[in-house]
Amino acid sequence: MRSLRAALGQFATGVAVITTVTPDGERAGVTVNSFSSVSLDPPLVLWCLSDRAPSAPVFLRAGRFVVNVLAAGQDELSTRFATPAPDKFAGVDVFTTATGLPVLAGTLATFVCRTSDVYAGGDHHIFLGAVEHFERSAGEPLIFHSGRYRTVAAAQPALA
């Protein structure tokens, strides 16, 4: 299993924090690198969450979520939401959407979604989200590769 994980880690990915709130006000957030676009028409995205994640029941009940795409330099934010804690949002700069969903400040992009389907995928839930609203900012992405955070290297000049 460890060697499979190491091989999968060779695929560099962006880093996102998925946030949500249930109708009764329970918030949850989790760091993922399993975020992907699915369709432009209709606009759909997906992400995966371990069946064993403490936040899984919250995401399953909430029916909505926000994908917060992290920028270079937001390593600590990624680590915070990847680590179990009683209140991952404590001390974090957060604002809320009109529907009350928590959105992290300073990210490269946000996608406000309605959960359209949840599928079983081995030991994970696969969340399919219908994008209802999105925003984009300029900047460099936070990258995860081979078990470490990375940033995009500046473009190199072409060889003569």
N, C-alpha and C. Protein backbone atom coordinates (compact mmCIF):
# COMPACT_ATOMS: atom_id res chain seq x y z
N MET A 1 0.82 -1.19 0.00
CA MET A 1 0.00 0.00 0.00
C MET A 1 0.87 1.26 0.00
N ARG A 2 1.97 1.22 0.77
CA ARG A 2 2.85 2.38 0.84
C ARG A 2 3.49 2.67 -0.52
N SER A 3 3.88 1.61 -1.24
CA SER A 3 4.50 1.83 -2.55
C SER A 3 3.48 2.37 -3.55
N LEU A 4 2.22 1.93 -3.47
CA LEU A 4 1.18 2.48 -4.34
C LEU A 4 0.98 3.97 -4.03
N ARG A 5 0.94 4.31 -2.75
CA ARG A 5 0.78 5.71 -2.36
C ARG A 5 1.94 6.56 -2.88
N ALA A 6 3.16 6.03 -2.80
CA ALA A 6 4.33 6.76 -3.30
C ALA A 6 4.25 6.96 -4.81
N ALA A 7 3.80 5.94 -5.52
CA ALA A 7 3.67 6.06 -6.97
C ALA A 7 2.58 7.09 -7.32
N LEU A 8 1.46 7.05 -6.63
CA LEU A 8 0.39 8.03 -6.88
C LEU A 8 0.86 9.45 -6.55
N GLY A 9 1.75 9.57 -5.56
CA GLY A 9 2.29 10.87 -5.18
C GLY A 9 3.15 11.53 -6.23
N GLN A 10 3.53 10.78 -7.25
CA GLN A 10 4.31 11.35 -8.35
C GLN A 10 3.46 12.24 -9.26
N PHE A 11 2.14 12.15 -9.11
CA PHE A 11 1.25 13.01 -9.88
C PHE A 11 1.06 14.30 -9.09
N ALA A 12 1.61 15.40 -9.59
CA ALA A 12 1.49 16.69 -8.91
C ALA A 12 0.06 17.19 -9.01
N THR A 13 -0.47 17.69 -7.91
CA THR A 13 -1.84 18.19 -7.88
C THR A 13 -1.89 19.55 -7.21
N GLY A 14 -2.96 20.25 -7.46
CA GLY A 14 -3.27 21.44 -6.70
C GLY A 14 -3.79 21.02 -5.34
N VAL A 15 -3.99 21.99 -4.47
CA VAL A 15 -4.49 21.73 -3.12
C VAL A 15 -5.72 22.59 -2.90
N ALA A 16 -6.76 21.98 -2.37
CA ALA A 16 -8.00 22.71 -2.08
C ALA A 16 -8.48 22.35 -0.69
N VAL A 17 -9.21 23.27 -0.09
CA VAL A 17 -9.90 23.00 1.15
C VAL A 17 -11.39 23.06 0.83
N ILE A 18 -12.10 21.99 1.16
CA ILE A 18 -13.54 21.93 0.94
C ILE A 18 -14.19 22.31 2.27
N THR A 19 -15.11 23.28 2.22
CA THR A 19 -15.79 23.73 3.43
C THR A 19 -17.30 23.57 3.26
N THR A 20 -17.99 23.43 4.38
CA THR A 20 -19.44 23.30 4.35
C THR A 20 -20.04 23.70 5.69
N VAL A 21 -21.35 23.78 5.70
CA VAL A 21 -22.11 23.98 6.93
C VAL A 21 -23.44 23.27 6.75
N THR A 22 -23.90 22.61 7.81
CA THR A 22 -25.19 21.92 7.75
C THR A 22 -26.30 22.93 8.02
N PRO A 23 -27.54 22.57 7.73
CA PRO A 23 -28.65 23.48 8.03
C PRO A 23 -28.73 23.88 9.50
N ASP A 24 -28.23 23.02 10.40
CA ASP A 24 -28.25 23.37 11.83
C ASP A 24 -26.98 24.08 12.30
N GLY A 25 -26.09 24.46 11.36
CA GLY A 25 -24.94 25.29 11.69
C GLY A 25 -23.63 24.59 11.97
N GLU A 26 -23.57 23.28 11.82
CA GLU A 26 -22.30 22.57 12.04
C GLU A 26 -21.39 22.76 10.83
N ARG A 27 -20.20 23.31 11.08
CA ARG A 27 -19.24 23.55 9.99
C ARG A 27 -18.21 22.43 9.93
N ALA A 28 -17.69 22.23 8.73
CA ALA A 28 -16.61 21.26 8.52
C ALA A 28 -15.74 21.76 7.39
N GLY A 29 -14.47 21.35 7.44
CA GLY A 29 -13.53 21.68 6.38
C GLY A 29 -12.48 20.60 6.31
N VAL A 30 -12.02 20.31 5.10
CA VAL A 30 -11.03 19.26 4.91
C VAL A 30 -10.15 19.60 3.70
N THR A 31 -8.87 19.31 3.82
CA THR A 31 -7.93 19.51 2.72
C THR A 31 -7.99 18.31 1.78
N VAL A 32 -8.02 18.60 0.47
CA VAL A 32 -8.04 17.53 -0.53
C VAL A 32 -7.11 17.87 -1.67
N ASN A 33 -6.65 16.84 -2.36
CA ASN A 33 -5.97 17.05 -3.63
C ASN A 33 -6.68 16.25 -4.71
N SER A 34 -7.92 15.84 -4.41
CA SER A 34 -8.70 15.02 -5.34
C SER A 34 -9.74 15.84 -6.10
N PHE A 35 -9.63 17.14 -6.11
CA PHE A 35 -10.57 18.02 -6.81
C PHE A 35 -10.34 17.96 -8.31
N SER A 36 -11.44 17.93 -9.09
CA SER A 36 -11.32 17.91 -10.54
C SER A 36 -12.58 18.49 -11.18
N SER A 37 -12.40 19.11 -12.35
CA SER A 37 -13.56 19.51 -13.13
C SER A 37 -14.11 18.26 -13.81
N VAL A 38 -15.42 18.24 -14.03
CA VAL A 38 -16.07 17.12 -14.69
C VAL A 38 -16.71 17.57 -16.00
N SER A 39 -17.42 18.71 -15.95
CA SER A 39 -18.17 19.16 -17.12
C SER A 39 -18.31 20.68 -17.08
N LEU A 40 -18.28 21.30 -18.26
CA LEU A 40 -18.55 22.74 -18.36
C LEU A 40 -20.03 23.01 -18.60
N ASP A 41 -20.73 22.06 -19.23
CA ASP A 41 -22.14 22.26 -19.54
C ASP A 41 -22.90 20.97 -19.30
N PRO A 42 -23.50 20.80 -18.12
CA PRO A 42 -23.58 21.77 -17.03
C PRO A 42 -22.27 21.82 -16.25
N PRO A 43 -22.03 22.91 -15.51
CA PRO A 43 -20.78 23.00 -14.74
C PRO A 43 -20.81 22.06 -13.53
N LEU A 44 -19.93 21.05 -13.57
CA LEU A 44 -19.84 20.05 -12.51
C LEU A 44 -18.38 19.86 -12.10
N VAL A 45 -18.16 19.63 -10.81
CA VAL A 45 -16.84 19.31 -10.27
C VAL A 45 -16.99 18.09 -9.35
N LEU A 46 -15.86 17.48 -9.03
CA LEU A 46 -15.89 16.38 -8.06
C LEU A 46 -14.72 16.47 -7.12
N TRP A 47 -14.87 15.81 -5.98
CA TRP A 47 -13.79 15.65 -5.01
C TRP A 47 -14.10 14.41 -4.20
N CYS A 48 -13.09 13.87 -3.52
CA CYS A 48 -13.24 12.62 -2.79
C CYS A 48 -12.89 12.81 -1.32
N LEU A 49 -13.61 12.05 -0.48
CA LEU A 49 -13.41 12.12 0.97
C LEU A 49 -13.45 10.71 1.53
N SER A 50 -12.48 10.38 2.38
CA SER A 50 -12.42 9.06 3.00
C SER A 50 -13.70 8.78 3.79
N ASP A 51 -14.16 7.54 3.69
CA ASP A 51 -15.31 7.11 4.49
C ASP A 51 -15.03 7.27 5.98
N ARG A 52 -13.76 7.19 6.37
CA ARG A 52 -13.38 7.25 7.78
C ARG A 52 -13.14 8.68 8.29
N ALA A 53 -13.22 9.66 7.41
CA ALA A 53 -12.99 11.05 7.84
C ALA A 53 -14.05 11.47 8.85
N PRO A 54 -13.64 12.07 9.97
CA PRO A 54 -14.62 12.53 10.96
C PRO A 54 -15.66 13.49 10.37
N SER A 55 -15.28 14.22 9.33
CA SER A 55 -16.20 15.20 8.73
C SER A 55 -17.14 14.58 7.69
N ALA A 56 -16.97 13.32 7.34
CA ALA A 56 -17.80 12.70 6.30
C ALA A 56 -19.30 12.83 6.60
N PRO A 57 -19.77 12.54 7.81
CA PRO A 57 -21.21 12.68 8.07
C PRO A 57 -21.71 14.11 7.88
N VAL A 58 -20.87 15.09 8.20
CA VAL A 58 -21.26 16.49 8.04
C VAL A 58 -21.43 16.82 6.55
N PHE A 59 -20.46 16.45 5.73
CA PHE A 59 -20.55 16.71 4.29
C PHE A 59 -21.73 15.98 3.66
N LEU A 60 -22.01 14.77 4.12
CA LEU A 60 -23.14 14.01 3.59
C LEU A 60 -24.48 14.67 3.94
N ARG A 61 -24.58 15.28 5.12
CA ARG A 61 -25.82 15.95 5.55
C ARG A 61 -25.98 17.34 4.95
N ALA A 62 -24.89 18.02 4.67
CA ALA A 62 -24.94 19.44 4.32
C ALA A 62 -25.63 19.73 2.99
N GLY A 63 -25.35 18.93 1.98
CA GLY A 63 -25.98 19.14 0.68
C GLY A 63 -25.37 20.25 -0.16
N ARG A 64 -24.39 20.94 0.36
CA ARG A 64 -23.71 22.03 -0.34
C ARG A 64 -22.27 22.08 0.16
N PHE A 65 -21.39 22.65 -0.67
CA PHE A 65 -20.00 22.80 -0.25
C PHE A 65 -19.33 23.89 -1.07
N VAL A 66 -18.16 24.33 -0.59
CA VAL A 66 -17.33 25.30 -1.31
C VAL A 66 -15.97 24.67 -1.51
N VAL A 67 -15.46 24.74 -2.74
CA VAL A 67 -14.09 24.34 -3.04
C VAL A 67 -13.26 25.62 -3.00
N ASN A 68 -12.27 25.66 -2.10
CA ASN A 68 -11.36 26.79 -1.95
C ASN A 68 -10.00 26.36 -2.49
N VAL A 69 -9.61 26.84 -3.66
CA VAL A 69 -8.33 26.45 -4.28
C VAL A 69 -7.23 27.30 -3.66
N LEU A 70 -6.26 26.64 -3.01
CA LEU A 70 -5.23 27.36 -2.26
C LEU A 70 -4.14 27.94 -3.15
N ALA A 71 -3.63 29.06 -2.68
CA ALA A 71 -2.55 29.77 -3.36
C ALA A 71 -1.21 29.39 -2.74
N ALA A 72 -0.14 29.62 -3.48
CA ALA A 72 1.21 29.44 -2.95
C ALA A 72 1.31 30.24 -1.66
N GLY A 73 1.92 29.67 -0.65
CA GLY A 73 2.05 30.34 0.64
C GLY A 73 0.93 30.01 1.62
N GLN A 74 -0.05 29.23 1.20
CA GLN A 74 -1.14 28.85 2.10
C GLN A 74 -0.95 27.43 2.65
N ASP A 75 0.31 27.03 2.77
CA ASP A 75 0.65 25.70 3.31
C ASP A 75 0.03 25.49 4.69
N GLU A 76 0.15 26.50 5.56
CA GLU A 76 -0.37 26.37 6.93
C GLU A 76 -1.87 26.15 6.94
N LEU A 77 -2.59 26.81 6.04
CA LEU A 77 -4.03 26.64 5.93
C LEU A 77 -4.35 25.20 5.50
N SER A 78 -3.60 24.69 4.55
CA SER A 78 -3.78 23.31 4.11
C SER A 78 -3.54 22.34 5.27
N THR A 79 -2.45 22.53 5.99
CA THR A 79 -2.12 21.66 7.12
C THR A 79 -3.19 21.73 8.20
N ARG A 80 -3.70 22.92 8.48
CA ARG A 80 -4.74 23.10 9.50
C ARG A 80 -5.96 22.26 9.18
N PHE A 81 -6.42 22.31 7.92
CA PHE A 81 -7.63 21.59 7.56
C PHE A 81 -7.39 20.11 7.27
N ALA A 82 -6.12 19.70 7.22
CA ALA A 82 -5.77 18.29 7.05
C ALA A 82 -5.58 17.60 8.40
N THR A 83 -5.55 18.38 9.48
CA THR A 83 -5.27 17.87 10.81
C THR A 83 -6.53 17.88 11.67
N PRO A 84 -6.84 16.79 12.36
CA PRO A 84 -8.02 16.79 13.23
C PRO A 84 -7.91 17.88 14.30
N ALA A 85 -9.00 18.60 14.51
CA ALA A 85 -9.05 19.66 15.53
C ALA A 85 -10.51 19.94 15.86
N PRO A 86 -10.79 20.38 17.09
CA PRO A 86 -12.18 20.66 17.46
C PRO A 86 -12.82 21.76 16.61
N ASP A 87 -12.05 22.81 16.29
CA ASP A 87 -12.57 23.89 15.45
C ASP A 87 -11.48 24.33 14.48
N LYS A 88 -11.48 23.77 13.29
CA LYS A 88 -10.46 24.10 12.30
C LYS A 88 -10.57 25.54 11.81
N PHE A 89 -11.73 26.18 12.01
CA PHE A 89 -11.95 27.53 11.53
C PHE A 89 -11.46 28.61 12.51
N ALA A 90 -11.11 28.22 13.74
CA ALA A 90 -10.69 29.19 14.76
C ALA A 90 -9.46 29.97 14.28
N GLY A 91 -9.58 31.30 14.25
CA GLY A 91 -8.46 32.15 13.86
C GLY A 91 -8.23 32.25 12.37
N VAL A 92 -9.08 31.64 11.56
CA VAL A 92 -8.93 31.67 10.10
C VAL A 92 -9.83 32.77 9.55
N ASP A 93 -9.32 33.52 8.56
CA ASP A 93 -10.08 34.59 7.92
C ASP A 93 -11.11 33.95 6.99
N VAL A 94 -12.39 33.99 7.42
CA VAL A 94 -13.48 33.34 6.71
C VAL A 94 -14.60 34.34 6.50
N PHE A 95 -15.25 34.29 5.34
CA PHE A 95 -16.50 35.02 5.16
C PHE A 95 -17.55 34.01 4.72
N THR A 96 -18.80 34.40 4.74
CA THR A 96 -19.86 33.46 4.39
C THR A 96 -20.62 33.92 3.16
N THR A 97 -21.11 32.95 2.43
CA THR A 97 -21.94 33.23 1.26
C THR A 97 -23.33 33.64 1.75
N ALA A 98 -24.18 34.06 0.83
CA ALA A 98 -25.56 34.42 1.17
C ALA A 98 -26.30 33.24 1.80
N THR A 99 -25.89 32.02 1.45
CA THR A 99 -26.53 30.83 2.01
C THR A 99 -25.83 30.31 3.26
N GLY A 100 -24.82 31.06 3.75
CA GLY A 100 -24.16 30.70 5.00
C GLY A 100 -22.96 29.79 4.88
N LEU A 101 -22.55 29.44 3.67
CA LEU A 101 -21.38 28.57 3.50
C LEU A 101 -20.09 29.32 3.83
N PRO A 102 -19.16 28.68 4.55
CA PRO A 102 -17.88 29.33 4.87
C PRO A 102 -16.94 29.32 3.67
N VAL A 103 -16.34 30.48 3.39
CA VAL A 103 -15.38 30.64 2.29
C VAL A 103 -14.08 31.17 2.89
N LEU A 104 -12.96 30.56 2.54
CA LEU A 104 -11.66 30.99 3.04
C LEU A 104 -11.17 32.19 2.24
N ALA A 105 -10.62 33.17 2.94
CA ALA A 105 -10.11 34.39 2.29
C ALA A 105 -8.75 34.12 1.66
N GLY A 106 -8.45 34.84 0.57
CA GLY A 106 -7.13 34.82 -0.03
C GLY A 106 -6.83 33.65 -0.92
N THR A 107 -7.84 32.89 -1.33
CA THR A 107 -7.59 31.73 -2.19
C THR A 107 -7.58 32.14 -3.66
N LEU A 108 -7.11 31.24 -4.51
CA LEU A 108 -7.03 31.52 -5.95
C LEU A 108 -8.38 31.43 -6.64
N ALA A 109 -9.21 30.53 -6.17
CA ALA A 109 -10.55 30.36 -6.77
C ALA A 109 -11.46 29.73 -5.74
N THR A 110 -12.75 30.03 -5.88
CA THR A 110 -13.77 29.37 -5.06
C THR A 110 -14.90 28.92 -5.97
N PHE A 111 -15.45 27.77 -5.64
CA PHE A 111 -16.57 27.20 -6.37
C PHE A 111 -17.64 26.84 -5.34
N VAL A 112 -18.75 27.55 -5.38
CA VAL A 112 -19.87 27.27 -4.49
C VAL A 112 -20.75 26.25 -5.20
N CYS A 113 -20.99 25.12 -4.53
CA CYS A 113 -21.65 23.99 -5.20
C CYS A 113 -22.80 23.41 -4.38
N ARG A 114 -23.74 22.87 -5.11
CA ARG A 114 -24.80 22.05 -4.53
C ARG A 114 -24.38 20.60 -4.79
N THR A 115 -24.44 19.76 -3.78
CA THR A 115 -24.11 18.35 -3.96
C THR A 115 -25.18 17.73 -4.84
N SER A 116 -24.80 17.29 -6.04
CA SER A 116 -25.80 16.69 -6.92
C SER A 116 -25.85 15.18 -6.77
N ASP A 117 -24.71 14.55 -6.46
CA ASP A 117 -24.66 13.11 -6.23
C ASP A 117 -23.46 12.78 -5.36
N VAL A 118 -23.57 11.67 -4.65
CA VAL A 118 -22.45 11.11 -3.90
C VAL A 118 -22.37 9.64 -4.28
N TYR A 119 -21.19 9.21 -4.69
CA TYR A 119 -20.98 7.84 -5.12
C TYR A 119 -20.00 7.14 -4.18
N ALA A 120 -20.17 5.83 -4.02
CA ALA A 120 -19.19 5.03 -3.30
C ALA A 120 -18.04 4.75 -4.25
N GLY A 121 -16.82 4.95 -3.77
CA GLY A 121 -15.63 4.66 -4.56
C GLY A 121 -14.60 4.01 -3.67
N GLY A 122 -14.66 2.69 -3.52
CA GLY A 122 -13.73 2.00 -2.63
C GLY A 122 -13.94 2.47 -1.21
N ASP A 123 -12.87 2.99 -0.59
CA ASP A 123 -12.96 3.48 0.79
C ASP A 123 -13.22 4.98 0.85
N HIS A 124 -13.76 5.55 -0.23
CA HIS A 124 -14.04 6.98 -0.29
C HIS A 124 -15.46 7.26 -0.79
N HIS A 125 -15.94 8.45 -0.45
CA HIS A 125 -17.14 9.02 -1.05
C HIS A 125 -16.66 9.93 -2.18
N ILE A 126 -17.32 9.87 -3.32
CA ILE A 126 -17.04 10.77 -4.43
C ILE A 126 -18.19 11.76 -4.51
N PHE A 127 -17.90 13.02 -4.21
CA PHE A 127 -18.93 14.07 -4.23
C PHE A 127 -18.93 14.73 -5.60
N LEU A 128 -20.08 14.75 -6.24
CA LEU A 128 -20.27 15.46 -7.50
C LEU A 128 -21.06 16.73 -7.18
N GLY A 129 -20.50 17.86 -7.56
CA GLY A 129 -21.13 19.13 -7.23
C GLY A 129 -21.51 19.93 -8.46
N ALA A 130 -22.71 20.51 -8.42
CA ALA A 130 -23.17 21.43 -9.46
C ALA A 130 -22.70 22.83 -9.06
N VAL A 131 -21.87 23.44 -9.88
CA VAL A 131 -21.31 24.75 -9.58
C VAL A 131 -22.41 25.80 -9.74
N GLU A 132 -22.67 26.54 -8.66
CA GLU A 132 -23.69 27.59 -8.68
C GLU A 132 -23.08 28.98 -8.79
N HIS A 133 -21.86 29.12 -8.30
CA HIS A 133 -21.17 30.41 -8.34
C HIS A 133 -19.67 30.12 -8.24
N PHE A 134 -18.87 30.97 -8.88
CA PHE A 134 -17.42 30.80 -8.76
C PHE A 134 -16.76 32.17 -8.86
N GLU A 135 -15.57 32.25 -8.28
CA GLU A 135 -14.74 33.45 -8.37
C GLU A 135 -13.30 33.03 -8.55
N ARG A 136 -12.53 33.92 -9.16
CA ARG A 136 -11.13 33.61 -9.48
C ARG A 136 -10.27 34.82 -9.15
N SER A 137 -9.06 34.56 -8.65
CA SER A 137 -8.09 35.61 -8.35
C SER A 137 -6.78 35.29 -9.05
N ALA A 138 -5.93 36.29 -9.18
CA ALA A 138 -4.61 36.07 -9.76
C ALA A 138 -3.67 35.51 -8.70
N GLY A 139 -2.65 34.81 -9.14
CA GLY A 139 -1.65 34.30 -8.21
C GLY A 139 -1.15 32.93 -8.63
N GLU A 140 -0.22 32.42 -7.85
CA GLU A 140 0.37 31.11 -8.11
C GLU A 140 -0.30 30.07 -7.21
N PRO A 141 -0.47 28.84 -7.71
CA PRO A 141 -1.13 27.81 -6.92
C PRO A 141 -0.18 27.12 -5.93
N LEU A 142 -0.77 26.57 -4.88
CA LEU A 142 -0.06 25.65 -4.00
C LEU A 142 -0.14 24.27 -4.66
N ILE A 143 0.99 23.60 -4.75
CA ILE A 143 1.09 22.29 -5.41
C ILE A 143 1.51 21.25 -4.37
N PHE A 144 1.01 20.02 -4.53
CA PHE A 144 1.43 18.91 -3.68
C PHE A 144 2.01 17.83 -4.58
N HIS A 145 3.26 17.43 -4.29
CA HIS A 145 3.94 16.42 -5.09
C HIS A 145 4.88 15.63 -4.20
N SER A 146 4.80 14.33 -4.30
CA SER A 146 5.71 13.43 -3.59
C SER A 146 5.77 13.73 -2.09
N GLY A 147 4.57 13.99 -1.52
CA GLY A 147 4.48 14.19 -0.07
C GLY A 147 4.90 15.55 0.43
N ARG A 148 5.12 16.52 -0.48
CA ARG A 148 5.58 17.85 -0.05
C ARG A 148 4.80 18.94 -0.80
N TYR A 149 4.69 20.09 -0.13
CA TYR A 149 4.11 21.26 -0.80
C TYR A 149 5.16 21.84 -1.74
N ARG A 150 4.71 22.31 -2.87
CA ARG A 150 5.60 22.90 -3.86
C ARG A 150 4.93 24.14 -4.43
N THR A 151 5.68 24.92 -5.17
CA THR A 151 5.12 26.03 -5.92
C THR A 151 5.57 25.89 -7.36
N VAL A 152 4.89 26.60 -8.23
CA VAL A 152 5.23 26.57 -9.65
C VAL A 152 6.53 27.32 -9.85
N ALA A 153 7.46 26.70 -10.54
CA ALA A 153 8.74 27.37 -10.85
C ALA A 153 8.50 28.38 -11.96
N ALA A 154 9.24 29.46 -11.92
CA ALA A 154 9.13 30.46 -12.97
C ALA A 154 9.53 29.85 -14.31
N ALA A 155 8.88 30.29 -15.36
CA ALA A 155 9.17 29.75 -16.70
C ALA A 155 10.64 30.02 -17.05
N GLN A 156 11.25 29.02 -17.64
CA GLN A 156 12.65 29.14 -18.04
C GLN A 156 12.71 29.63 -19.48
N PRO A 157 13.70 30.44 -19.81
CA PRO A 157 13.82 30.89 -21.21
C PRO A 157 14.13 29.70 -22.12
N ALA A 158 13.66 29.78 -23.35
CA ALA A 158 13.90 28.71 -24.32
C ALA A 158 15.39 28.60 -24.63
N LEU A 159 15.85 27.37 -24.85
CA LEU A 159 17.25 27.17 -25.21
C LEU A 159 17.47 27.57 -26.66
N ALA A 160 18.62 28.19 -26.90
CA ALA A 160 18.93 28.64 -28.27
C ALA A 160 19.43 27.51 -29.11
